[in-house]
């Protein structure tokens, strides 16, 4: 399994999309997890993800705040979302006959003064 996890601050801008495209085309991952995209998922055209052979499976649930974890997968992969909270997404998927469970976590650290 190939997985890319990237803190892709500002995925809506051309430079960040170009960098992601280069990573995906170079490594051909099964799964891509993005943290801190800083935009709504609907702001990225589905055609962009499809051009990379990916689809947006889910985002984390932060209530009224913009999701800060996006979980994308290869078009041939059919994962199931097990859990999604403000700080994590957990999915299961069958890959080469093996059941895999994956959790991606976003934890922001704050130093109190």
N, C-alpha and C. Protein backbone atom coordinates (compact mmCIF):
# COMPACT_ATOMS: atom_id res chain seq x y z
N UNK A 1 0.84 -1.18 0.00
CA UNK A 1 0.00 0.00 0.00
C UNK A 1 0.88 1.24 0.00
N UNK A 2 0.51 2.19 -0.80
CA UNK A 2 1.20 3.47 -0.83
C UNK A 2 0.24 4.54 -0.32
N UNK A 3 0.74 5.35 0.61
CA UNK A 3 -0.07 6.38 1.24
C UNK A 3 0.73 7.67 1.29
N UNK A 4 0.08 8.77 0.96
CA UNK A 4 0.68 10.09 1.12
C UNK A 4 -0.13 10.83 2.17
N UNK A 5 0.55 11.37 3.19
CA UNK A 5 -0.07 12.27 4.16
C UNK A 5 0.67 13.59 4.02
N UNK A 6 -0.08 14.66 3.78
CA UNK A 6 0.57 15.94 3.53
C UNK A 6 -0.21 17.07 4.18
N UNK A 7 0.51 17.96 4.85
CA UNK A 7 -0.08 19.18 5.38
C UNK A 7 -0.13 20.16 4.22
N UNK A 8 -1.24 20.13 3.50
CA UNK A 8 -1.39 20.86 2.24
C UNK A 8 -2.11 22.17 2.46
N UNK A 9 -1.53 23.03 3.25
CA UNK A 9 -2.16 24.32 3.52
C UNK A 9 -2.43 25.06 2.22
N UNK A 10 -3.69 25.35 1.99
CA UNK A 10 -4.04 26.13 0.82
C UNK A 10 -4.14 25.31 -0.46
N UNK A 11 -4.80 24.17 -0.41
CA UNK A 11 -4.90 23.28 -1.57
C UNK A 11 -5.60 23.94 -2.75
N UNK A 12 -6.31 25.03 -2.53
CA UNK A 12 -7.02 25.69 -3.63
C UNK A 12 -6.08 26.49 -4.54
N UNK A 13 -4.85 26.77 -4.09
CA UNK A 13 -3.98 27.56 -4.96
C UNK A 13 -3.21 26.68 -5.95
N UNK A 14 -2.86 27.26 -7.08
CA UNK A 14 -2.26 26.50 -8.18
C UNK A 14 -0.95 25.81 -7.78
N UNK A 15 -0.10 26.50 -7.04
CA UNK A 15 1.18 25.92 -6.66
C UNK A 15 1.03 24.67 -5.80
N UNK A 16 0.11 24.70 -4.86
CA UNK A 16 -0.12 23.55 -3.99
C UNK A 16 -0.73 22.40 -4.79
N UNK A 17 -1.66 22.70 -5.68
CA UNK A 17 -2.25 21.65 -6.52
C UNK A 17 -1.20 21.03 -7.43
N UNK A 18 -0.31 21.86 -7.97
CA UNK A 18 0.77 21.35 -8.83
C UNK A 18 1.69 20.42 -8.04
N UNK A 19 2.04 20.81 -6.82
CA UNK A 19 2.91 19.98 -5.98
C UNK A 19 2.24 18.65 -5.66
N UNK A 20 0.95 18.69 -5.33
CA UNK A 20 0.22 17.45 -5.04
C UNK A 20 0.17 16.57 -6.28
N UNK A 21 -0.12 17.17 -7.42
CA UNK A 21 -0.18 16.41 -8.67
C UNK A 21 1.15 15.71 -8.93
N UNK A 22 2.26 16.42 -8.75
CA UNK A 22 3.58 15.82 -8.96
C UNK A 22 3.83 14.65 -8.01
N UNK A 23 3.45 14.81 -6.74
CA UNK A 23 3.62 13.71 -5.77
C UNK A 23 2.80 12.50 -6.16
N UNK A 24 1.54 12.74 -6.51
CA UNK A 24 0.64 11.63 -6.84
C UNK A 24 1.10 10.92 -8.11
N UNK A 25 1.47 11.67 -9.14
CA UNK A 25 1.91 11.04 -10.38
C UNK A 25 3.25 10.32 -10.21
N UNK A 26 4.08 10.80 -9.31
CA UNK A 26 5.37 10.17 -9.05
C UNK A 26 5.25 8.89 -8.23
N UNK A 27 4.37 8.90 -7.22
CA UNK A 27 4.30 7.78 -6.28
C UNK A 27 3.09 6.86 -6.49
N UNK A 28 2.08 7.32 -7.20
CA UNK A 28 0.85 6.57 -7.48
C UNK A 28 0.31 5.91 -6.19
N UNK A 29 -0.12 6.73 -5.23
CA UNK A 29 -0.61 6.19 -3.96
C UNK A 29 -2.01 5.59 -4.06
N UNK A 30 -2.31 4.67 -3.14
CA UNK A 30 -3.66 4.14 -3.01
C UNK A 30 -4.53 5.13 -2.24
N UNK A 31 -3.89 5.82 -1.28
CA UNK A 31 -4.61 6.73 -0.39
C UNK A 31 -3.82 8.02 -0.23
N UNK A 32 -4.54 9.14 -0.19
CA UNK A 32 -3.95 10.45 0.08
C UNK A 32 -4.75 11.10 1.20
N UNK A 33 -4.05 11.50 2.25
CA UNK A 33 -4.68 12.23 3.36
C UNK A 33 -4.09 13.64 3.39
N UNK A 34 -4.96 14.62 3.38
CA UNK A 34 -4.53 16.01 3.41
C UNK A 34 -4.98 16.65 4.71
N UNK A 35 -4.06 17.36 5.36
CA UNK A 35 -4.45 18.11 6.55
C UNK A 35 -4.33 19.60 6.25
N UNK A 36 -5.13 20.37 6.94
CA UNK A 36 -5.18 21.83 6.82
C UNK A 36 -5.34 22.34 5.39
N UNK A 37 -6.31 21.82 4.63
CA UNK A 37 -6.49 22.35 3.28
C UNK A 37 -6.99 23.80 3.26
N UNK A 38 -7.59 24.24 4.35
CA UNK A 38 -8.02 25.63 4.55
C UNK A 38 -9.13 26.10 3.62
N UNK A 39 -9.81 25.18 2.94
CA UNK A 39 -10.95 25.53 2.08
C UNK A 39 -12.01 24.44 2.21
N UNK A 40 -13.20 24.74 1.74
CA UNK A 40 -14.24 23.72 1.70
C UNK A 40 -13.91 22.70 0.60
N UNK A 41 -14.21 21.43 0.82
CA UNK A 41 -13.94 20.42 -0.20
C UNK A 41 -14.60 20.75 -1.55
N UNK A 42 -15.75 21.38 -1.52
CA UNK A 42 -16.47 21.71 -2.76
C UNK A 42 -15.73 22.74 -3.61
N UNK A 43 -14.72 23.40 -3.06
CA UNK A 43 -13.97 24.40 -3.83
C UNK A 43 -12.97 23.77 -4.79
N UNK A 44 -12.73 22.46 -4.66
CA UNK A 44 -11.83 21.75 -5.57
C UNK A 44 -12.69 20.92 -6.52
N UNK A 45 -12.59 21.15 -7.82
CA UNK A 45 -13.42 20.42 -8.77
C UNK A 45 -13.16 18.91 -8.73
N UNK A 46 -14.22 18.14 -8.83
CA UNK A 46 -14.10 16.68 -8.88
C UNK A 46 -13.17 16.27 -10.02
N UNK A 47 -13.19 17.02 -11.11
CA UNK A 47 -12.34 16.72 -12.27
C UNK A 47 -10.85 16.75 -11.91
N UNK A 48 -10.46 17.62 -10.96
CA UNK A 48 -9.06 17.66 -10.53
C UNK A 48 -8.68 16.34 -9.88
N UNK A 49 -9.52 15.86 -8.95
CA UNK A 49 -9.22 14.59 -8.28
C UNK A 49 -9.19 13.44 -9.28
N UNK A 50 -10.16 13.42 -10.17
CA UNK A 50 -10.22 12.34 -11.18
C UNK A 50 -9.00 12.35 -12.09
N UNK A 51 -8.48 13.53 -12.40
CA UNK A 51 -7.28 13.61 -13.24
C UNK A 51 -6.08 12.97 -12.56
N UNK A 52 -6.15 12.86 -11.24
CA UNK A 52 -5.09 12.22 -10.46
C UNK A 52 -5.42 10.76 -10.15
N UNK A 53 -6.58 10.29 -10.63
CA UNK A 53 -6.99 8.92 -10.33
C UNK A 53 -7.51 8.76 -8.92
N UNK A 54 -7.98 9.86 -8.32
CA UNK A 54 -8.44 9.85 -6.93
C UNK A 54 -9.89 10.30 -6.83
N UNK A 55 -10.50 9.95 -5.69
CA UNK A 55 -11.80 10.53 -5.35
C UNK A 55 -11.79 10.88 -3.87
N UNK A 56 -12.52 11.93 -3.53
CA UNK A 56 -12.62 12.36 -2.14
C UNK A 56 -13.61 11.44 -1.44
N UNK A 57 -13.11 10.63 -0.51
CA UNK A 57 -13.98 9.70 0.21
C UNK A 57 -14.75 10.41 1.32
N UNK A 58 -14.04 11.16 2.15
CA UNK A 58 -14.68 11.82 3.29
C UNK A 58 -13.78 12.91 3.85
N UNK A 59 -14.37 13.72 4.70
CA UNK A 59 -13.62 14.71 5.48
C UNK A 59 -14.01 14.53 6.94
N UNK A 60 -13.20 15.09 7.83
CA UNK A 60 -13.56 14.97 9.24
C UNK A 60 -14.69 15.92 9.60
N UNK A 61 -15.35 15.63 10.71
CA UNK A 61 -16.52 16.38 11.16
C UNK A 61 -16.09 17.34 12.27
N UNK A 62 -16.09 18.64 11.95
CA UNK A 62 -15.73 19.65 12.94
C UNK A 62 -16.90 20.58 13.23
N UNK A 63 -18.10 20.07 13.05
CA UNK A 63 -19.28 20.89 13.30
C UNK A 63 -19.37 22.03 12.31
N UNK A 64 -19.37 23.27 12.81
CA UNK A 64 -19.52 24.44 11.94
C UNK A 64 -18.19 24.90 11.32
N UNK A 65 -17.08 24.30 11.72
CA UNK A 65 -15.78 24.68 11.17
C UNK A 65 -15.46 23.88 9.90
N UNK A 66 -14.62 24.45 9.06
CA UNK A 66 -14.19 23.77 7.83
C UNK A 66 -13.40 22.52 8.20
N UNK A 67 -13.65 21.40 7.52
CA UNK A 67 -12.89 20.17 7.80
C UNK A 67 -11.39 20.41 7.61
N UNK A 68 -10.58 19.83 8.50
CA UNK A 68 -9.13 19.99 8.35
C UNK A 68 -8.42 18.67 8.06
N UNK A 69 -9.17 17.62 7.77
CA UNK A 69 -8.61 16.36 7.27
C UNK A 69 -9.47 15.92 6.09
N UNK A 70 -8.82 15.68 4.97
CA UNK A 70 -9.50 15.12 3.79
C UNK A 70 -8.90 13.76 3.51
N UNK A 71 -9.75 12.79 3.24
CA UNK A 71 -9.30 11.42 2.95
C UNK A 71 -9.69 11.10 1.51
N UNK A 72 -8.68 10.92 0.66
CA UNK A 72 -8.90 10.59 -0.75
C UNK A 72 -8.37 9.20 -1.03
N UNK A 73 -8.94 8.54 -2.02
CA UNK A 73 -8.47 7.19 -2.35
C UNK A 73 -8.45 6.99 -3.86
N UNK A 74 -7.67 6.02 -4.28
CA UNK A 74 -7.61 5.64 -5.69
C UNK A 74 -9.00 5.24 -6.14
N UNK A 75 -9.33 5.52 -7.39
CA UNK A 75 -10.67 5.25 -7.91
C UNK A 75 -11.07 3.79 -7.80
N UNK A 76 -10.11 2.87 -7.83
CA UNK A 76 -10.41 1.44 -7.74
C UNK A 76 -10.59 0.94 -6.31
N UNK A 77 -10.20 1.74 -5.33
CA UNK A 77 -10.28 1.34 -3.92
C UNK A 77 -11.65 1.74 -3.37
N UNK A 78 -12.25 0.86 -2.59
CA UNK A 78 -13.59 1.12 -2.04
C UNK A 78 -13.55 1.03 -0.51
N UNK A 79 -12.94 2.00 0.17
CA UNK A 79 -12.88 1.96 1.63
C UNK A 79 -14.23 2.28 2.27
N UNK A 80 -14.35 1.85 3.52
CA UNK A 80 -15.54 2.13 4.33
C UNK A 80 -15.12 3.01 5.49
N UNK A 81 -15.84 4.10 5.70
CA UNK A 81 -15.55 4.99 6.83
C UNK A 81 -16.08 4.33 8.10
N UNK A 82 -15.19 4.14 9.07
CA UNK A 82 -15.55 3.54 10.35
C UNK A 82 -15.87 4.64 11.37
N UNK A 83 -15.08 5.72 11.33
CA UNK A 83 -15.24 6.79 12.31
C UNK A 83 -14.69 8.09 11.75
N UNK A 84 -15.34 9.19 12.10
CA UNK A 84 -14.86 10.51 11.72
C UNK A 84 -15.22 11.47 12.84
N UNK A 85 -14.20 12.10 13.41
CA UNK A 85 -14.42 13.06 14.49
C UNK A 85 -13.65 14.34 14.16
N UNK A 86 -13.59 15.26 15.10
CA UNK A 86 -12.89 16.52 14.88
C UNK A 86 -11.39 16.32 14.66
N UNK A 87 -10.82 15.20 15.17
CA UNK A 87 -9.37 15.02 15.07
C UNK A 87 -8.91 13.79 14.32
N UNK A 88 -9.82 12.97 13.80
CA UNK A 88 -9.37 11.76 13.12
C UNK A 88 -10.41 11.23 12.14
N UNK A 89 -9.92 10.43 11.20
CA UNK A 89 -10.76 9.65 10.30
C UNK A 89 -10.20 8.23 10.29
N UNK A 90 -11.07 7.25 10.47
CA UNK A 90 -10.66 5.84 10.40
C UNK A 90 -11.47 5.16 9.31
N UNK A 91 -10.76 4.42 8.45
CA UNK A 91 -11.41 3.67 7.38
C UNK A 91 -10.87 2.24 7.35
N UNK A 92 -11.65 1.35 6.75
CA UNK A 92 -11.16 0.01 6.45
C UNK A 92 -11.27 -0.18 4.95
N UNK A 93 -10.37 -1.00 4.41
CA UNK A 93 -10.43 -1.32 2.98
C UNK A 93 -9.74 -2.65 2.74
N UNK A 94 -10.12 -3.27 1.66
CA UNK A 94 -9.51 -4.52 1.25
C UNK A 94 -8.49 -4.19 0.17
N UNK A 95 -7.23 -4.53 0.44
CA UNK A 95 -6.16 -4.24 -0.50
C UNK A 95 -5.35 -5.51 -0.74
N UNK A 96 -5.36 -5.98 -1.96
CA UNK A 96 -4.67 -7.22 -2.32
C UNK A 96 -5.07 -8.37 -1.42
N UNK A 97 -6.37 -8.44 -1.09
CA UNK A 97 -6.89 -9.53 -0.28
C UNK A 97 -6.68 -9.38 1.21
N UNK A 98 -6.11 -8.28 1.64
CA UNK A 98 -5.85 -8.05 3.07
C UNK A 98 -6.74 -6.91 3.56
N UNK A 99 -7.45 -7.15 4.67
CA UNK A 99 -8.28 -6.11 5.27
C UNK A 99 -7.37 -5.16 6.04
N UNK A 100 -7.41 -3.89 5.69
CA UNK A 100 -6.56 -2.87 6.32
C UNK A 100 -7.44 -1.87 7.06
N UNK A 101 -6.97 -1.43 8.21
CA UNK A 101 -7.61 -0.35 8.95
C UNK A 101 -6.61 0.79 9.04
N UNK A 102 -7.05 1.97 8.63
CA UNK A 102 -6.17 3.14 8.62
C UNK A 102 -6.83 4.28 9.38
N UNK A 103 -6.03 4.96 10.18
CA UNK A 103 -6.50 6.15 10.89
C UNK A 103 -5.56 7.29 10.57
N UNK A 104 -6.13 8.42 10.18
CA UNK A 104 -5.34 9.62 9.99
C UNK A 104 -5.77 10.62 11.06
N UNK A 105 -4.79 11.25 11.68
CA UNK A 105 -5.04 12.10 12.84
C UNK A 105 -4.51 13.50 12.57
N UNK A 106 -5.26 14.49 13.01
CA UNK A 106 -4.80 15.87 13.00
C UNK A 106 -4.87 16.36 14.43
N UNK A 107 -3.74 16.76 14.96
CA UNK A 107 -3.70 17.27 16.32
C UNK A 107 -2.93 18.58 16.32
N UNK A 108 -3.61 19.65 16.61
CA UNK A 108 -2.97 20.96 16.65
C UNK A 108 -2.45 21.19 18.06
N UNK A 109 -1.21 21.59 18.13
CA UNK A 109 -0.63 21.88 19.45
C UNK A 109 -0.75 23.37 19.73
N UNK A 110 -1.09 23.67 20.95
CA UNK A 110 -1.19 25.06 21.38
C UNK A 110 -0.39 25.20 22.66
N UNK A 111 0.49 26.17 22.68
CA UNK A 111 1.29 26.42 23.87
C UNK A 111 0.66 27.59 24.62
N UNK A 112 0.24 27.30 25.84
CA UNK A 112 -0.38 28.34 26.66
C UNK A 112 0.72 29.23 27.24
N UNK A 113 0.51 30.52 27.18
CA UNK A 113 1.52 31.47 27.62
C UNK A 113 1.40 31.75 29.04
